[in-house]
Amino acid sequence: MNTKLIIATLGLASVLSFGASAAVHQVNTDQAQSLQSMGSISVTEMSGSPMDVRQALAAKAEKAGASSYRVTELSSGDHWHATAELYK
């Protein structure tokens, strides 16, 4: 019984995480050619990893109503900084 509960919980968690990440997705330059630009965003992370920056960009893009984004700048030093173009 406990195993079934764990499997069901993991299945639900994977569906929810897929749904959250499917809302906004990253595109490359070729894919962006057929999309309509709607501005740009930037994020600065004082610490973390490139994945943290990607998640922050996706969250900002989703909040702005974009369906896709393309990273146009990514730099690191004392902190991470990224800029992305948003698309409908």
N, C-alpha and C. Protein backbone atom coordinates (compact mmCIF):
# COMPACT_ATOMS: atom_id res chain seq x y z
N MET A 1 0.82 -1.19 0.00
CA MET A 1 0.00 0.00 0.00
C MET A 1 0.87 1.25 0.00
N ASN A 2 1.90 1.27 0.81
CA ASN A 2 2.79 2.42 0.90
C ASN A 2 3.51 2.66 -0.42
N THR A 3 3.90 1.60 -1.12
CA THR A 3 4.58 1.71 -2.41
C THR A 3 3.66 2.37 -3.44
N LYS A 4 2.39 1.99 -3.44
CA LYS A 4 1.44 2.59 -4.38
C LYS A 4 1.29 4.08 -4.12
N LEU A 5 1.28 4.48 -2.86
CA LEU A 5 1.16 5.89 -2.51
C LEU A 5 2.39 6.67 -2.98
N ILE A 6 3.55 6.10 -2.81
CA ILE A 6 4.79 6.76 -3.24
C ILE A 6 4.81 6.91 -4.77
N ILE A 7 4.43 5.85 -5.47
CA ILE A 7 4.41 5.91 -6.94
C ILE A 7 3.40 6.95 -7.42
N ALA A 8 2.23 6.98 -6.81
CA ALA A 8 1.22 7.96 -7.19
C ALA A 8 1.70 9.38 -6.91
N THR A 9 2.35 9.60 -5.80
CA THR A 9 2.87 10.93 -5.44
C THR A 9 3.95 11.37 -6.43
N LEU A 10 4.87 10.47 -6.76
CA LEU A 10 5.92 10.81 -7.72
C LEU A 10 5.33 11.09 -9.10
N GLY A 11 4.35 10.33 -9.50
CA GLY A 11 3.70 10.57 -10.79
C GLY A 11 3.03 11.93 -10.83
N LEU A 12 2.32 12.28 -9.77
CA LEU A 12 1.66 13.58 -9.69
C LEU A 12 2.69 14.71 -9.68
N ALA A 13 3.76 14.53 -8.95
CA ALA A 13 4.81 15.56 -8.89
C ALA A 13 5.44 15.76 -10.26
N SER A 14 5.66 14.70 -11.02
CA SER A 14 6.26 14.86 -12.34
C SER A 14 5.30 15.55 -13.29
N VAL A 15 4.02 15.28 -13.20
CA VAL A 15 3.04 15.95 -14.05
C VAL A 15 2.97 17.43 -13.71
N LEU A 16 2.97 17.76 -12.44
CA LEU A 16 2.92 19.16 -12.02
C LEU A 16 4.18 19.91 -12.44
N SER A 17 5.34 19.29 -12.29
CA SER A 17 6.57 19.98 -12.68
C SER A 17 6.64 20.14 -14.19
N PHE A 18 6.14 19.17 -14.95
CA PHE A 18 6.11 19.31 -16.40
C PHE A 18 5.17 20.44 -16.80
N GLY A 19 4.03 20.53 -16.16
CA GLY A 19 3.07 21.59 -16.47
C GLY A 19 3.64 22.96 -16.18
N ALA A 20 4.39 23.09 -15.12
CA ALA A 20 4.98 24.38 -14.78
C ALA A 20 6.06 24.77 -15.77
N SER A 21 6.87 23.81 -16.18
CA SER A 21 7.95 24.14 -17.09
C SER A 21 7.47 24.24 -18.53
N ALA A 22 6.33 23.66 -18.85
CA ALA A 22 5.83 23.70 -20.23
C ALA A 22 5.19 25.03 -20.57
N ALA A 23 4.88 25.84 -19.59
CA ALA A 23 4.21 27.11 -19.84
C ALA A 23 5.10 28.06 -20.65
N VAL A 24 6.36 28.16 -20.33
CA VAL A 24 7.31 29.02 -21.03
C VAL A 24 8.53 28.17 -21.35
N HIS A 25 8.99 28.23 -22.59
CA HIS A 25 10.16 27.43 -22.93
C HIS A 25 11.21 28.27 -23.63
N GLN A 26 12.43 27.81 -23.52
CA GLN A 26 13.56 28.50 -24.12
C GLN A 26 13.68 28.07 -25.58
N VAL A 27 13.95 29.03 -26.46
CA VAL A 27 14.11 28.74 -27.88
C VAL A 27 15.49 29.21 -28.34
N ASN A 28 15.93 28.68 -29.48
CA ASN A 28 17.21 29.13 -30.04
C ASN A 28 16.94 30.19 -31.10
N THR A 29 17.98 30.70 -31.71
CA THR A 29 17.86 31.78 -32.69
C THR A 29 17.01 31.37 -33.89
N ASP A 30 17.21 30.17 -34.40
CA ASP A 30 16.43 29.70 -35.55
C ASP A 30 14.94 29.60 -35.22
N GLN A 31 14.62 29.07 -34.04
CA GLN A 31 13.23 28.93 -33.64
C GLN A 31 12.58 30.30 -33.44
N ALA A 32 13.35 31.26 -32.97
CA ALA A 32 12.82 32.60 -32.69
C ALA A 32 12.45 33.35 -33.96
N GLN A 33 12.99 32.95 -35.13
CA GLN A 33 12.72 33.64 -36.39
C GLN A 33 11.23 33.71 -36.71
N SER A 34 10.48 32.68 -36.33
CA SER A 34 9.05 32.63 -36.66
C SER A 34 8.16 33.16 -35.54
N LEU A 35 8.75 33.70 -34.48
CA LEU A 35 7.97 34.19 -33.34
C LEU A 35 7.94 35.71 -33.31
N GLN A 36 6.94 36.25 -32.65
CA GLN A 36 6.80 37.71 -32.53
C GLN A 36 7.44 38.18 -31.22
N SER A 37 8.40 39.09 -31.34
CA SER A 37 9.08 39.64 -30.17
C SER A 37 8.14 40.52 -29.36
N MET A 38 8.29 40.47 -28.05
CA MET A 38 7.47 41.32 -27.18
C MET A 38 8.29 42.02 -26.10
N GLY A 39 9.59 42.20 -26.35
CA GLY A 39 10.44 42.91 -25.40
C GLY A 39 11.51 42.03 -24.83
N SER A 40 12.16 42.53 -23.79
CA SER A 40 13.24 41.77 -23.16
C SER A 40 13.16 41.89 -21.64
N ILE A 41 13.85 40.99 -20.98
CA ILE A 41 13.93 40.97 -19.53
C ILE A 41 15.37 40.70 -19.13
N SER A 42 15.70 40.96 -17.88
CA SER A 42 17.02 40.60 -17.37
C SER A 42 16.89 40.18 -15.92
N VAL A 43 17.81 39.36 -15.48
CA VAL A 43 17.87 38.93 -14.09
C VAL A 43 19.31 38.97 -13.62
N THR A 44 19.49 39.19 -12.35
CA THR A 44 20.81 39.15 -11.73
C THR A 44 20.70 38.31 -10.47
N GLU A 45 21.52 37.29 -10.39
CA GLU A 45 21.55 36.39 -9.24
C GLU A 45 22.87 36.60 -8.50
N MET A 46 22.81 36.88 -7.24
CA MET A 46 24.04 37.11 -6.47
C MET A 46 24.83 35.81 -6.29
N SER A 47 24.14 34.68 -6.29
CA SER A 47 24.82 33.39 -6.18
C SER A 47 23.94 32.37 -6.88
N GLY A 48 24.41 31.18 -6.96
CA GLY A 48 23.63 30.13 -7.60
C GLY A 48 24.32 29.58 -8.82
N SER A 49 23.52 28.97 -9.67
CA SER A 49 24.05 28.29 -10.85
C SER A 49 23.36 28.83 -12.10
N PRO A 50 23.84 28.46 -13.27
CA PRO A 50 23.15 28.86 -14.50
C PRO A 50 21.70 28.37 -14.52
N MET A 51 21.42 27.21 -13.90
CA MET A 51 20.06 26.69 -13.85
C MET A 51 19.16 27.60 -13.02
N ASP A 52 19.70 28.20 -11.95
CA ASP A 52 18.93 29.15 -11.15
C ASP A 52 18.57 30.38 -11.98
N VAL A 53 19.51 30.83 -12.79
CA VAL A 53 19.27 31.98 -13.66
C VAL A 53 18.22 31.63 -14.69
N ARG A 54 18.30 30.44 -15.28
CA ARG A 54 17.31 29.98 -16.26
C ARG A 54 15.91 29.94 -15.65
N GLN A 55 15.81 29.44 -14.43
CA GLN A 55 14.51 29.38 -13.76
C GLN A 55 13.97 30.78 -13.48
N ALA A 56 14.85 31.70 -13.11
CA ALA A 56 14.43 33.08 -12.87
C ALA A 56 13.95 33.74 -14.16
N LEU A 57 14.65 33.48 -15.27
CA LEU A 57 14.22 34.01 -16.57
C LEU A 57 12.86 33.44 -16.97
N ALA A 58 12.68 32.14 -16.80
CA ALA A 58 11.41 31.51 -17.15
C ALA A 58 10.27 32.08 -16.32
N ALA A 59 10.51 32.31 -15.04
CA ALA A 59 9.47 32.87 -14.17
C ALA A 59 9.11 34.29 -14.60
N LYS A 60 10.11 35.10 -14.91
CA LYS A 60 9.85 36.47 -15.37
C LYS A 60 9.13 36.49 -16.71
N ALA A 61 9.52 35.59 -17.60
CA ALA A 61 8.89 35.50 -18.92
C ALA A 61 7.42 35.10 -18.78
N GLU A 62 7.16 34.14 -17.92
CA GLU A 62 5.79 33.69 -17.71
C GLU A 62 4.94 34.82 -17.12
N LYS A 63 5.50 35.54 -16.17
CA LYS A 63 4.79 36.65 -15.54
C LYS A 63 4.46 37.75 -16.57
N ALA A 64 5.33 37.92 -17.55
CA ALA A 64 5.13 38.93 -18.59
C ALA A 64 4.16 38.45 -19.68
N GLY A 65 3.75 37.18 -19.62
CA GLY A 65 2.81 36.66 -20.59
C GLY A 65 3.45 36.07 -21.85
N ALA A 66 4.74 35.82 -21.81
CA ALA A 66 5.45 35.26 -22.97
C ALA A 66 5.24 33.75 -23.02
N SER A 67 5.31 33.22 -24.23
CA SER A 67 5.26 31.76 -24.38
C SER A 67 6.66 31.18 -24.52
N SER A 68 7.62 32.04 -24.94
CA SER A 68 8.99 31.59 -25.16
C SER A 68 9.96 32.72 -24.83
N TYR A 69 11.22 32.34 -24.62
CA TYR A 69 12.27 33.34 -24.43
C TYR A 69 13.57 32.80 -25.04
N ARG A 70 14.45 33.72 -25.42
CA ARG A 70 15.76 33.37 -25.97
C ARG A 70 16.82 34.14 -25.20
N VAL A 71 17.77 33.44 -24.62
CA VAL A 71 18.85 34.09 -23.86
C VAL A 71 19.75 34.82 -24.84
N THR A 72 19.94 36.11 -24.61
CA THR A 72 20.79 36.91 -25.48
C THR A 72 22.11 37.27 -24.82
N GLU A 73 22.17 37.16 -23.50
CA GLU A 73 23.40 37.46 -22.76
C GLU A 73 23.42 36.65 -21.48
N LEU A 74 24.57 36.06 -21.17
CA LEU A 74 24.75 35.35 -19.91
C LEU A 74 26.18 35.57 -19.48
N SER A 75 26.35 36.17 -18.31
CA SER A 75 27.70 36.43 -17.82
C SER A 75 27.79 36.10 -16.34
N SER A 76 29.01 35.79 -15.92
CA SER A 76 29.25 35.51 -14.51
C SER A 76 30.51 36.22 -14.06
N GLY A 77 30.59 36.40 -12.81
CA GLY A 77 31.73 37.05 -12.16
C GLY A 77 31.47 36.91 -10.68
N ASP A 78 31.23 38.02 -10.01
CA ASP A 78 30.81 37.96 -8.61
C ASP A 78 29.36 37.49 -8.51
N HIS A 79 28.62 37.62 -9.61
CA HIS A 79 27.22 37.19 -9.67
C HIS A 79 26.87 36.83 -11.11
N TRP A 80 25.75 36.17 -11.29
CA TRP A 80 25.25 35.82 -12.62
C TRP A 80 24.34 36.93 -13.12
N HIS A 81 24.42 37.20 -14.41
CA HIS A 81 23.52 38.16 -15.04
C HIS A 81 23.09 37.58 -16.39
N ALA A 82 21.80 37.70 -16.70
CA ALA A 82 21.29 37.20 -17.98
C ALA A 82 20.24 38.14 -18.53
N THR A 83 20.21 38.24 -19.84
CA THR A 83 19.20 39.02 -20.55
C THR A 83 18.55 38.07 -21.55
N ALA A 84 17.24 38.23 -21.75
CA ALA A 84 16.53 37.37 -22.69
C ALA A 84 15.49 38.17 -23.47
N GLU A 85 15.28 37.77 -24.70
CA GLU A 85 14.23 38.33 -25.55
C GLU A 85 12.97 37.49 -25.34
N LEU A 86 11.83 38.15 -25.19
CA LEU A 86 10.56 37.46 -24.99
C LEU A 86 9.80 37.36 -26.30
N TYR A 87 9.03 36.27 -26.44
CA TYR A 87 8.24 36.05 -27.65
C TYR A 87 6.84 35.58 -27.29
N LYS A 88 5.88 35.94 -28.18
CA LYS A 88 4.50 35.47 -28.03
C LYS A 88 4.37 34.11 -28.61
